[in-house]
Amino acid sequence: MYPEYEISASVTAPVFLDFAYLKAGLQLAIEINGFLTHPAEMTRWQFSDSLMRQNHLILDGWKILRFSYDDIKEKPRICQQLLQQFMGKSLIGKKNESSAENFLQLEVLKYSSRLEHPIRPADVIALLKIKKRDAQKLLQSMVQKQMLPAGNGTKRIRCYKINPEQQTSLSASL
């Protein structure tokens, strides 16, 4: 996460993002706006430039999340959850395995090792704030790698147990 990140999205002047998140091919711009600071003080041309700036960012492959200063201050948990949902959706959706997928798998393993019961898709959904289908894909990829052997069931897999070898290596790394 980089604060006041400078990019060249405009030909006329450098552009500064409030925050930039750059990892695993993901470019996320996080903008925080006060209620009165921007719109009330803008001219028509400045307003037009800000919209064009956002369009250039999107064309350059940036994803953009906008927050009000009031939400950051008064509802920080909701903002965190929105970021977690975005990360889960953006990082799980990659077709090729990436360091992001490895990171999510490690988080699932850590969480699974703390549970008193085998991990279920609902647990992964709650942990990563992702859709059911994405949680199932993540768990299936972990089964294929023998990180989480499937639990009981002949037709449908409803729970997963951590591989004892993974448990041992995870305990050693923590």
N, C-alpha and C. Protein backbone atom coordinates (compact mmCIF):
# COMPACT_ATOMS: atom_id res chain seq x y z
N MET A 1 0.86 -1.17 0.00
CA MET A 1 0.00 0.00 0.00
C MET A 1 0.91 1.23 0.00
N TYR A 2 0.69 2.09 -0.97
CA TYR A 2 1.51 3.29 -1.11
C TYR A 2 0.64 4.54 -0.97
N PRO A 3 0.91 5.41 0.00
CA PRO A 3 0.15 6.66 0.11
C PRO A 3 0.66 7.69 -0.89
N GLU A 4 -0.26 8.57 -1.33
CA GLU A 4 0.10 9.66 -2.25
C GLU A 4 0.94 9.14 -3.42
N TYR A 5 0.42 8.13 -4.09
CA TYR A 5 1.15 7.46 -5.17
C TYR A 5 1.01 8.26 -6.46
N GLU A 6 2.14 8.60 -7.04
CA GLU A 6 2.14 9.41 -8.26
C GLU A 6 2.11 8.52 -9.50
N ILE A 7 1.20 8.84 -10.41
CA ILE A 7 1.14 8.14 -11.69
C ILE A 7 1.01 9.16 -12.81
N SER A 8 1.23 8.71 -14.03
CA SER A 8 1.09 9.61 -15.17
C SER A 8 -0.15 9.22 -15.96
N ALA A 9 -1.32 9.45 -15.39
CA ALA A 9 -2.58 9.15 -16.06
C ALA A 9 -3.05 10.32 -16.89
N SER A 10 -2.42 11.45 -16.72
CA SER A 10 -2.84 12.66 -17.43
C SER A 10 -1.63 13.23 -18.17
N VAL A 11 -1.88 13.83 -19.29
CA VAL A 11 -0.80 14.42 -20.08
C VAL A 11 -0.37 15.76 -19.49
N THR A 12 -1.30 16.47 -18.87
CA THR A 12 -1.02 17.83 -18.42
C THR A 12 -0.25 17.91 -17.11
N ALA A 13 -0.57 17.06 -16.14
CA ALA A 13 0.08 17.16 -14.83
C ALA A 13 0.11 15.79 -14.18
N PRO A 14 1.05 15.59 -13.25
CA PRO A 14 1.06 14.30 -12.55
C PRO A 14 -0.19 14.12 -11.70
N VAL A 15 -0.57 12.88 -11.51
CA VAL A 15 -1.76 12.55 -10.73
C VAL A 15 -1.31 11.82 -9.48
N PHE A 16 -1.89 12.18 -8.35
CA PHE A 16 -1.58 11.51 -7.10
C PHE A 16 -2.83 10.78 -6.60
N LEU A 17 -2.67 9.50 -6.37
CA LEU A 17 -3.73 8.71 -5.77
C LEU A 17 -3.60 8.80 -4.26
N ASP A 18 -4.72 8.80 -3.55
CA ASP A 18 -4.63 8.83 -2.09
C ASP A 18 -3.85 7.61 -1.60
N PHE A 19 -4.23 6.43 -2.11
CA PHE A 19 -3.50 5.21 -1.80
C PHE A 19 -3.50 4.32 -3.04
N ALA A 20 -2.41 3.60 -3.23
CA ALA A 20 -2.32 2.62 -4.32
C ALA A 20 -1.92 1.28 -3.73
N TYR A 21 -2.60 0.23 -4.16
CA TYR A 21 -2.25 -1.14 -3.78
C TYR A 21 -1.80 -1.84 -5.04
N LEU A 22 -0.54 -2.29 -5.06
CA LEU A 22 0.04 -2.94 -6.23
C LEU A 22 0.59 -4.29 -5.82
N LYS A 23 -0.06 -5.36 -6.27
CA LYS A 23 0.43 -6.70 -5.94
C LYS A 23 -0.25 -7.71 -6.85
N ALA A 24 0.53 -8.69 -7.27
CA ALA A 24 0.03 -9.81 -8.07
C ALA A 24 -0.75 -9.33 -9.30
N GLY A 25 -0.25 -8.29 -9.96
CA GLY A 25 -0.90 -7.80 -11.16
C GLY A 25 -2.13 -6.95 -10.91
N LEU A 26 -2.46 -6.71 -9.66
CA LEU A 26 -3.62 -5.90 -9.31
C LEU A 26 -3.19 -4.47 -9.06
N GLN A 27 -3.88 -3.52 -9.68
CA GLN A 27 -3.65 -2.09 -9.45
C GLN A 27 -4.94 -1.52 -8.86
N LEU A 28 -4.92 -1.20 -7.59
CA LEU A 28 -6.10 -0.67 -6.92
C LEU A 28 -5.81 0.75 -6.45
N ALA A 29 -6.65 1.68 -6.88
CA ALA A 29 -6.59 3.07 -6.40
C ALA A 29 -7.66 3.24 -5.33
N ILE A 30 -7.25 3.72 -4.17
CA ILE A 30 -8.19 3.98 -3.08
C ILE A 30 -8.23 5.48 -2.87
N GLU A 31 -9.40 6.04 -3.08
CA GLU A 31 -9.58 7.48 -2.97
C GLU A 31 -10.49 7.79 -1.78
N ILE A 32 -10.11 8.79 -1.00
CA ILE A 32 -10.88 9.22 0.16
C ILE A 32 -11.25 10.68 -0.04
N ASN A 33 -12.55 10.97 0.01
CA ASN A 33 -13.02 12.32 -0.24
C ASN A 33 -13.84 12.85 0.93
N GLY A 34 -13.60 14.10 1.28
CA GLY A 34 -14.41 14.78 2.27
C GLY A 34 -15.67 15.32 1.62
N PHE A 35 -16.66 15.62 2.42
CA PHE A 35 -17.94 16.09 1.89
C PHE A 35 -17.81 17.46 1.23
N LEU A 36 -17.10 18.37 1.85
CA LEU A 36 -17.02 19.72 1.32
C LEU A 36 -15.74 20.03 0.56
N THR A 37 -14.70 19.27 0.79
CA THR A 37 -13.41 19.67 0.24
C THR A 37 -13.36 19.66 -1.27
N HIS A 38 -13.93 18.66 -1.94
CA HIS A 38 -13.77 18.60 -3.38
C HIS A 38 -14.89 19.27 -4.18
N PRO A 39 -16.12 18.81 -4.09
CA PRO A 39 -17.14 19.35 -4.98
C PRO A 39 -17.42 20.84 -4.78
N ALA A 40 -17.43 21.31 -3.53
CA ALA A 40 -17.79 22.71 -3.28
C ALA A 40 -16.75 23.67 -3.80
N GLU A 41 -15.50 23.25 -3.85
CA GLU A 41 -14.42 24.15 -4.24
C GLU A 41 -14.03 24.00 -5.71
N MET A 42 -14.68 23.10 -6.45
CA MET A 42 -14.30 22.85 -7.83
C MET A 42 -15.01 23.76 -8.80
N THR A 43 -14.30 24.10 -9.84
CA THR A 43 -14.95 24.77 -10.97
C THR A 43 -15.51 23.68 -11.88
N ARG A 44 -16.25 24.07 -12.88
CA ARG A 44 -16.78 23.09 -13.84
C ARG A 44 -15.66 22.34 -14.52
N TRP A 45 -14.57 23.05 -14.83
CA TRP A 45 -13.44 22.45 -15.55
C TRP A 45 -12.68 21.48 -14.66
N GLN A 46 -12.54 21.83 -13.39
CA GLN A 46 -11.88 20.91 -12.45
C GLN A 46 -12.71 19.64 -12.26
N PHE A 47 -14.02 19.82 -12.20
CA PHE A 47 -14.91 18.67 -12.09
C PHE A 47 -14.76 17.77 -13.31
N SER A 48 -14.75 18.37 -14.48
CA SER A 48 -14.58 17.62 -15.72
C SER A 48 -13.24 16.90 -15.74
N ASP A 49 -12.17 17.58 -15.30
CA ASP A 49 -10.84 16.96 -15.25
C ASP A 49 -10.81 15.77 -14.30
N SER A 50 -11.51 15.87 -13.17
CA SER A 50 -11.50 14.75 -12.21
C SER A 50 -12.19 13.52 -12.81
N LEU A 51 -13.26 13.73 -13.57
CA LEU A 51 -13.92 12.60 -14.22
C LEU A 51 -13.03 12.01 -15.30
N MET A 52 -12.36 12.85 -16.05
CA MET A 52 -11.45 12.38 -17.10
C MET A 52 -10.27 11.62 -16.48
N ARG A 53 -9.79 12.11 -15.34
CA ARG A 53 -8.70 11.45 -14.61
C ARG A 53 -9.10 10.03 -14.25
N GLN A 54 -10.32 9.88 -13.72
CA GLN A 54 -10.80 8.56 -13.34
C GLN A 54 -10.95 7.66 -14.58
N ASN A 55 -11.42 8.22 -15.67
CA ASN A 55 -11.54 7.43 -16.91
C ASN A 55 -10.18 6.94 -17.38
N HIS A 56 -9.16 7.79 -17.31
CA HIS A 56 -7.81 7.39 -17.72
C HIS A 56 -7.28 6.28 -16.81
N LEU A 57 -7.55 6.38 -15.53
CA LEU A 57 -7.12 5.33 -14.60
C LEU A 57 -7.74 3.98 -14.98
N ILE A 58 -9.02 4.00 -15.26
CA ILE A 58 -9.72 2.77 -15.63
C ILE A 58 -9.15 2.20 -16.92
N LEU A 59 -8.92 3.06 -17.91
CA LEU A 59 -8.34 2.59 -19.17
C LEU A 59 -6.94 2.03 -18.99
N ASP A 60 -6.21 2.54 -18.00
CA ASP A 60 -4.86 2.05 -17.72
C ASP A 60 -4.86 0.80 -16.85
N GLY A 61 -6.04 0.24 -16.58
CA GLY A 61 -6.12 -1.01 -15.83
C GLY A 61 -6.28 -0.88 -14.34
N TRP A 62 -6.52 0.31 -13.84
CA TRP A 62 -6.70 0.50 -12.40
C TRP A 62 -8.12 0.16 -12.00
N LYS A 63 -8.26 -0.45 -10.84
CA LYS A 63 -9.55 -0.62 -10.18
C LYS A 63 -9.62 0.52 -9.17
N ILE A 64 -10.80 1.06 -8.95
CA ILE A 64 -10.93 2.22 -8.08
C ILE A 64 -12.00 1.97 -7.02
N LEU A 65 -11.65 2.20 -5.77
CA LEU A 65 -12.60 2.20 -4.67
C LEU A 65 -12.58 3.59 -4.05
N ARG A 66 -13.77 4.15 -3.87
CA ARG A 66 -13.89 5.50 -3.31
C ARG A 66 -14.61 5.42 -1.96
N PHE A 67 -14.07 6.14 -0.99
CA PHE A 67 -14.65 6.20 0.34
C PHE A 67 -14.81 7.65 0.75
N SER A 68 -15.84 7.91 1.54
CA SER A 68 -15.96 9.25 2.12
C SER A 68 -15.11 9.29 3.39
N TYR A 69 -14.63 10.46 3.71
CA TYR A 69 -13.85 10.62 4.95
C TYR A 69 -14.72 10.23 6.15
N ASP A 70 -16.01 10.57 6.10
CA ASP A 70 -16.92 10.24 7.19
C ASP A 70 -17.03 8.74 7.40
N ASP A 71 -17.09 7.97 6.31
CA ASP A 71 -17.16 6.51 6.46
C ASP A 71 -15.87 5.95 7.05
N ILE A 72 -14.73 6.47 6.63
CA ILE A 72 -13.45 6.01 7.17
C ILE A 72 -13.41 6.29 8.68
N LYS A 73 -13.88 7.46 9.06
CA LYS A 73 -13.83 7.87 10.47
C LYS A 73 -14.90 7.18 11.32
N GLU A 74 -16.14 7.11 10.82
CA GLU A 74 -17.26 6.63 11.62
C GLU A 74 -17.58 5.14 11.43
N LYS A 75 -17.23 4.59 10.27
CA LYS A 75 -17.56 3.19 9.97
C LYS A 75 -16.35 2.45 9.41
N PRO A 76 -15.25 2.43 10.15
CA PRO A 76 -14.02 1.83 9.60
C PRO A 76 -14.17 0.34 9.30
N ARG A 77 -14.95 -0.38 10.10
CA ARG A 77 -15.10 -1.82 9.89
C ARG A 77 -15.80 -2.12 8.56
N ILE A 78 -16.79 -1.31 8.21
CA ILE A 78 -17.48 -1.50 6.93
C ILE A 78 -16.51 -1.27 5.78
N CYS A 79 -15.65 -0.27 5.92
CA CYS A 79 -14.64 0.01 4.88
C CYS A 79 -13.66 -1.16 4.77
N GLN A 80 -13.24 -1.71 5.91
CA GLN A 80 -12.35 -2.88 5.91
C GLN A 80 -13.01 -4.06 5.21
N GLN A 81 -14.27 -4.29 5.53
CA GLN A 81 -14.98 -5.41 4.93
C GLN A 81 -15.10 -5.25 3.42
N LEU A 82 -15.35 -4.03 2.97
CA LEU A 82 -15.44 -3.77 1.54
C LEU A 82 -14.10 -4.06 0.86
N LEU A 83 -13.01 -3.64 1.49
CA LEU A 83 -11.68 -3.94 0.94
C LEU A 83 -11.41 -5.44 0.93
N GLN A 84 -11.81 -6.15 1.98
CA GLN A 84 -11.62 -7.59 2.04
C GLN A 84 -12.43 -8.29 0.94
N GLN A 85 -13.66 -7.84 0.74
CA GLN A 85 -14.49 -8.41 -0.32
C GLN A 85 -13.84 -8.17 -1.68
N PHE A 86 -13.36 -6.96 -1.88
CA PHE A 86 -12.70 -6.64 -3.15
C PHE A 86 -11.48 -7.53 -3.37
N MET A 87 -10.65 -7.66 -2.33
CA MET A 87 -9.43 -8.48 -2.45
C MET A 87 -9.79 -9.94 -2.71
N GLY A 88 -10.76 -10.45 -1.97
CA GLY A 88 -11.17 -11.84 -2.18
C GLY A 88 -11.66 -12.07 -3.59
N LYS A 89 -12.50 -11.17 -4.06
CA LYS A 89 -13.06 -11.31 -5.41
C LYS A 89 -11.97 -11.13 -6.47
N SER A 90 -11.14 -10.16 -6.30
CA SER A 90 -10.11 -9.86 -7.31
C SER A 90 -9.00 -10.89 -7.33
N LEU A 91 -8.58 -11.35 -6.17
CA LEU A 91 -7.45 -12.26 -6.11
C LEU A 91 -7.84 -13.71 -6.36
N ILE A 92 -9.06 -14.11 -6.02
CA ILE A 92 -9.52 -15.47 -6.28
C ILE A 92 -9.81 -15.65 -7.77
N GLY A 93 -10.29 -14.60 -8.42
CA GLY A 93 -10.73 -14.72 -9.80
C GLY A 93 -9.62 -14.95 -10.82
N LYS A 94 -8.37 -14.90 -10.42
CA LYS A 94 -7.25 -15.10 -11.35
C LYS A 94 -7.23 -16.54 -11.83
N LYS A 95 -7.02 -16.74 -13.13
CA LYS A 95 -7.01 -18.09 -13.69
C LYS A 95 -5.70 -18.80 -13.39
N ASN A 96 -4.59 -18.11 -13.51
CA ASN A 96 -3.30 -18.72 -13.20
C ASN A 96 -3.03 -18.57 -11.72
N GLU A 97 -2.42 -19.58 -11.16
CA GLU A 97 -2.09 -19.50 -9.74
C GLU A 97 -1.07 -18.39 -9.53
N SER A 98 -1.28 -17.62 -8.51
CA SER A 98 -0.40 -16.49 -8.24
C SER A 98 -0.03 -16.48 -6.78
N SER A 99 0.81 -15.55 -6.44
CA SER A 99 1.16 -15.41 -5.03
C SER A 99 -0.07 -15.02 -4.22
N ALA A 100 -1.04 -14.35 -4.87
CA ALA A 100 -2.27 -14.00 -4.17
C ALA A 100 -3.06 -15.25 -3.79
N GLU A 101 -3.13 -16.20 -4.71
CA GLU A 101 -3.84 -17.44 -4.39
C GLU A 101 -3.10 -18.20 -3.29
N ASN A 102 -1.77 -18.20 -3.36
CA ASN A 102 -0.98 -18.83 -2.30
C ASN A 102 -1.25 -18.17 -0.95
N PHE A 103 -1.34 -16.85 -0.96
CA PHE A 103 -1.63 -16.11 0.27
C PHE A 103 -2.98 -16.52 0.84
N LEU A 104 -4.01 -16.59 -0.03
CA LEU A 104 -5.34 -16.97 0.44
C LEU A 104 -5.36 -18.41 0.95
N GLN A 105 -4.63 -19.30 0.28
CA GLN A 105 -4.55 -20.68 0.74
C GLN A 105 -3.89 -20.76 2.11
N LEU A 106 -2.85 -19.98 2.30
CA LEU A 106 -2.17 -19.96 3.60
C LEU A 106 -3.12 -19.44 4.69
N GLU A 107 -3.89 -18.42 4.37
CA GLU A 107 -4.86 -17.89 5.35
C GLU A 107 -5.89 -18.95 5.71
N VAL A 108 -6.36 -19.70 4.72
CA VAL A 108 -7.33 -20.76 4.98
C VAL A 108 -6.70 -21.85 5.85
N LEU A 109 -5.45 -22.20 5.56
CA LEU A 109 -4.76 -23.21 6.38
C LEU A 109 -4.60 -22.74 7.82
N LYS A 110 -4.18 -21.49 8.00
CA LYS A 110 -4.02 -20.96 9.36
C LYS A 110 -5.35 -21.00 10.12
N TYR A 111 -6.39 -20.55 9.44
CA TYR A 111 -7.71 -20.51 10.06
C TYR A 111 -8.19 -21.93 10.38
N SER A 112 -7.99 -22.83 9.44
CA SER A 112 -8.42 -24.22 9.61
C SER A 112 -7.71 -24.87 10.80
N SER A 113 -6.45 -24.53 11.00
CA SER A 113 -5.69 -25.13 12.10
C SER A 113 -6.20 -24.67 13.47
N ARG A 114 -6.90 -23.55 13.51
CA ARG A 114 -7.43 -23.04 14.78
C ARG A 114 -8.85 -23.53 15.07
N LEU A 115 -9.51 -24.10 14.06
CA LEU A 115 -10.90 -24.54 14.25
C LEU A 115 -10.97 -25.86 15.02
N GLU A 116 -12.06 -26.03 15.72
CA GLU A 116 -12.31 -27.26 16.46
C GLU A 116 -12.95 -28.32 15.56
N HIS A 117 -13.36 -27.92 14.37
CA HIS A 117 -14.05 -28.83 13.44
C HIS A 117 -13.43 -28.70 12.05
N PRO A 118 -13.72 -29.65 11.17
CA PRO A 118 -13.22 -29.51 9.79
C PRO A 118 -13.75 -28.23 9.16
N ILE A 119 -12.97 -27.62 8.30
CA ILE A 119 -13.37 -26.35 7.69
C ILE A 119 -14.42 -26.60 6.60
N ARG A 120 -15.38 -25.69 6.53
CA ARG A 120 -16.46 -25.79 5.55
C ARG A 120 -16.39 -24.58 4.62
N PRO A 121 -17.02 -24.66 3.46
CA PRO A 121 -17.06 -23.48 2.58
C PRO A 121 -17.60 -22.24 3.29
N ALA A 122 -18.59 -22.42 4.16
CA ALA A 122 -19.15 -21.28 4.90
C ALA A 122 -18.08 -20.59 5.75
N ASP A 123 -17.16 -21.37 6.30
CA ASP A 123 -16.07 -20.78 7.10
C ASP A 123 -15.17 -19.91 6.22
N VAL A 124 -14.87 -20.40 5.02
CA VAL A 124 -14.01 -19.66 4.08
C VAL A 124 -14.72 -18.39 3.61
N ILE A 125 -16.01 -18.49 3.35
CA ILE A 125 -16.80 -17.32 2.94
C ILE A 125 -16.74 -16.25 4.02
N ALA A 126 -16.93 -16.64 5.27
CA ALA A 126 -16.90 -15.69 6.38
C ALA A 126 -15.50 -15.10 6.58
N LEU A 127 -14.48 -15.93 6.41
CA LEU A 127 -13.10 -15.48 6.61
C LEU A 127 -12.67 -14.48 5.56
N LEU A 128 -12.88 -14.82 4.28
CA LEU A 128 -12.36 -14.00 3.18
C LEU A 128 -13.39 -13.04 2.57
N LYS A 129 -14.65 -13.15 3.00
CA LYS A 129 -15.72 -12.30 2.48
C LYS A 129 -15.83 -12.44 0.96
N ILE A 130 -15.94 -13.68 0.51
CA ILE A 130 -16.04 -13.97 -0.91
C ILE A 130 -17.31 -14.76 -1.20
N LYS A 131 -17.62 -14.93 -2.47
CA LYS A 131 -18.80 -15.67 -2.86
C LYS A 131 -18.60 -17.17 -2.65
N LYS A 132 -19.71 -17.88 -2.54
CA LYS A 132 -19.67 -19.32 -2.30
C LYS A 132 -18.89 -20.03 -3.40
N ARG A 133 -19.15 -19.67 -4.65
CA ARG A 133 -18.47 -20.32 -5.78
C ARG A 133 -16.96 -20.13 -5.70
N ASP A 134 -16.52 -18.92 -5.32
CA ASP A 134 -15.09 -18.65 -5.20
C ASP A 134 -14.47 -19.43 -4.04
N ALA A 135 -15.21 -19.55 -2.95
CA ALA A 135 -14.71 -20.33 -1.81
C ALA A 135 -14.57 -21.81 -2.20
N GLN A 136 -15.55 -22.32 -2.94
CA GLN A 136 -15.48 -23.71 -3.37
C GLN A 136 -14.31 -23.94 -4.32
N LYS A 137 -14.06 -23.00 -5.23
CA LYS A 137 -12.92 -23.12 -6.15
C LYS A 137 -11.61 -23.14 -5.38
N LEU A 138 -11.49 -22.26 -4.39
CA LEU A 138 -10.27 -22.21 -3.59
C LEU A 138 -10.06 -23.53 -2.84
N LEU A 139 -11.12 -24.03 -2.23
CA LEU A 139 -11.01 -25.30 -1.49
C LEU A 139 -10.70 -26.46 -2.44
N GLN A 140 -11.30 -26.47 -3.62
CA GLN A 140 -11.02 -27.53 -4.58
C GLN A 140 -9.56 -27.50 -5.03
N SER A 141 -9.03 -26.30 -5.24
CA SER A 141 -7.61 -26.21 -5.64
C SER A 141 -6.71 -26.72 -4.51
N MET A 142 -7.13 -26.48 -3.27
CA MET A 142 -6.35 -26.95 -2.12
C MET A 142 -6.44 -28.47 -1.98
N VAL A 143 -7.59 -29.05 -2.36
CA VAL A 143 -7.74 -30.51 -2.34
C VAL A 143 -6.84 -31.12 -3.40
N GLN A 144 -6.81 -30.51 -4.58
CA GLN A 144 -5.96 -31.03 -5.66
C GLN A 144 -4.49 -31.02 -5.27
N LYS A 145 -4.08 -30.06 -4.47
CA LYS A 145 -2.70 -29.98 -4.01
C LYS A 145 -2.47 -30.80 -2.74
N GLN A 146 -3.50 -31.47 -2.29
CA GLN A 146 -3.48 -32.28 -1.08
C GLN A 146 -3.16 -31.45 0.17
N MET A 147 -3.55 -30.20 0.14
CA MET A 147 -3.40 -29.35 1.32
C MET A 147 -4.55 -29.60 2.30
N LEU A 148 -5.73 -29.83 1.74
CA LEU A 148 -6.93 -30.10 2.53
C LEU A 148 -7.63 -31.33 1.98
N PRO A 149 -7.29 -32.51 2.46
CA PRO A 149 -8.04 -33.68 1.98
C PRO A 149 -9.51 -33.53 2.32
N ALA A 150 -10.37 -33.97 1.41
CA ALA A 150 -11.81 -33.85 1.62
C ALA A 150 -12.23 -34.70 2.80
N GLY A 151 -13.26 -34.23 3.49
CA GLY A 151 -13.80 -34.96 4.64
C GLY A 151 -14.75 -36.05 4.19
N ASN A 152 -15.73 -36.38 5.02
CA ASN A 152 -16.68 -37.44 4.71
C ASN A 152 -17.62 -37.02 3.60
N GLY A 153 -18.15 -38.00 2.91
CA GLY A 153 -19.13 -37.75 1.86
C GLY A 153 -18.78 -38.52 0.61
N THR A 154 -19.81 -39.01 -0.06
CA THR A 154 -19.56 -39.75 -1.29
C THR A 154 -19.99 -38.95 -2.51
N LYS A 155 -21.03 -38.12 -2.40
CA LYS A 155 -21.50 -37.35 -3.54
C LYS A 155 -21.07 -35.88 -3.46
N ARG A 156 -21.19 -35.33 -2.31
CA ARG A 156 -20.83 -33.93 -2.11
C ARG A 156 -19.82 -33.81 -0.98
N ILE A 157 -18.86 -32.93 -1.19
CA ILE A 157 -17.88 -32.67 -0.14
C ILE A 157 -18.41 -31.49 0.67
N ARG A 158 -18.59 -31.70 1.95
CA ARG A 158 -19.16 -30.65 2.81
C ARG A 158 -18.14 -30.07 3.78
N CYS A 159 -17.03 -30.76 3.98
CA CYS A 159 -16.02 -30.24 4.90
C CYS A 159 -14.65 -30.77 4.51
N TYR A 160 -13.62 -30.11 5.03
CA TYR A 160 -12.24 -30.43 4.67
C TYR A 160 -11.41 -30.46 5.94
N LYS A 161 -10.48 -31.40 5.98
CA LYS A 161 -9.55 -31.49 7.11
C LYS A 161 -8.16 -31.11 6.61
N ILE A 162 -7.44 -30.44 7.45
CA ILE A 162 -6.08 -30.03 7.08
C ILE A 162 -5.18 -31.26 7.01
N ASN A 163 -4.37 -31.32 5.97
CA ASN A 163 -3.41 -32.40 5.80
C ASN A 163 -2.42 -32.36 6.97
N PRO A 164 -2.17 -33.50 7.65
CA PRO A 164 -1.24 -33.50 8.79
C PRO A 164 0.14 -32.95 8.45
N GLU A 165 0.62 -33.20 7.23
CA GLU A 165 1.92 -32.66 6.81
C GLU A 165 1.86 -31.13 6.74
N GLN A 166 0.74 -30.60 6.23
CA GLN A 166 0.57 -29.16 6.16
C GLN A 166 0.49 -28.57 7.57
N GLN A 167 -0.19 -29.28 8.45
CA GLN A 167 -0.33 -28.83 9.85
C GLN A 167 1.05 -28.70 10.50
N THR A 168 1.91 -29.70 10.27
CA THR A 168 3.25 -29.70 10.85
C THR A 168 4.08 -28.55 10.31
N SER A 169 4.08 -28.35 8.97
CA SER A 169 4.88 -27.28 8.38
C SER A 169 4.31 -25.92 8.73
N LEU A 170 3.00 -25.83 8.87
CA LEU A 170 2.37 -24.56 9.25
C LEU A 170 2.74 -24.21 10.69
N SER A 171 2.70 -25.18 11.57
CA SER A 171 3.07 -24.94 12.97
C SER A 171 4.53 -24.50 13.09
N ALA A 172 5.39 -25.06 12.27
CA ALA A 172 6.80 -24.71 12.30
C ALA A 172 7.03 -23.28 11.81
N SER A 173 6.24 -22.85 10.83
CA SER A 173 6.42 -21.51 10.27
C SER A 173 5.82 -20.42 11.13
N LEU A 174 4.86 -20.79 12.00
CA LEU A 174 4.24 -19.79 12.86
C LEU A 174 5.03 -19.71 14.12
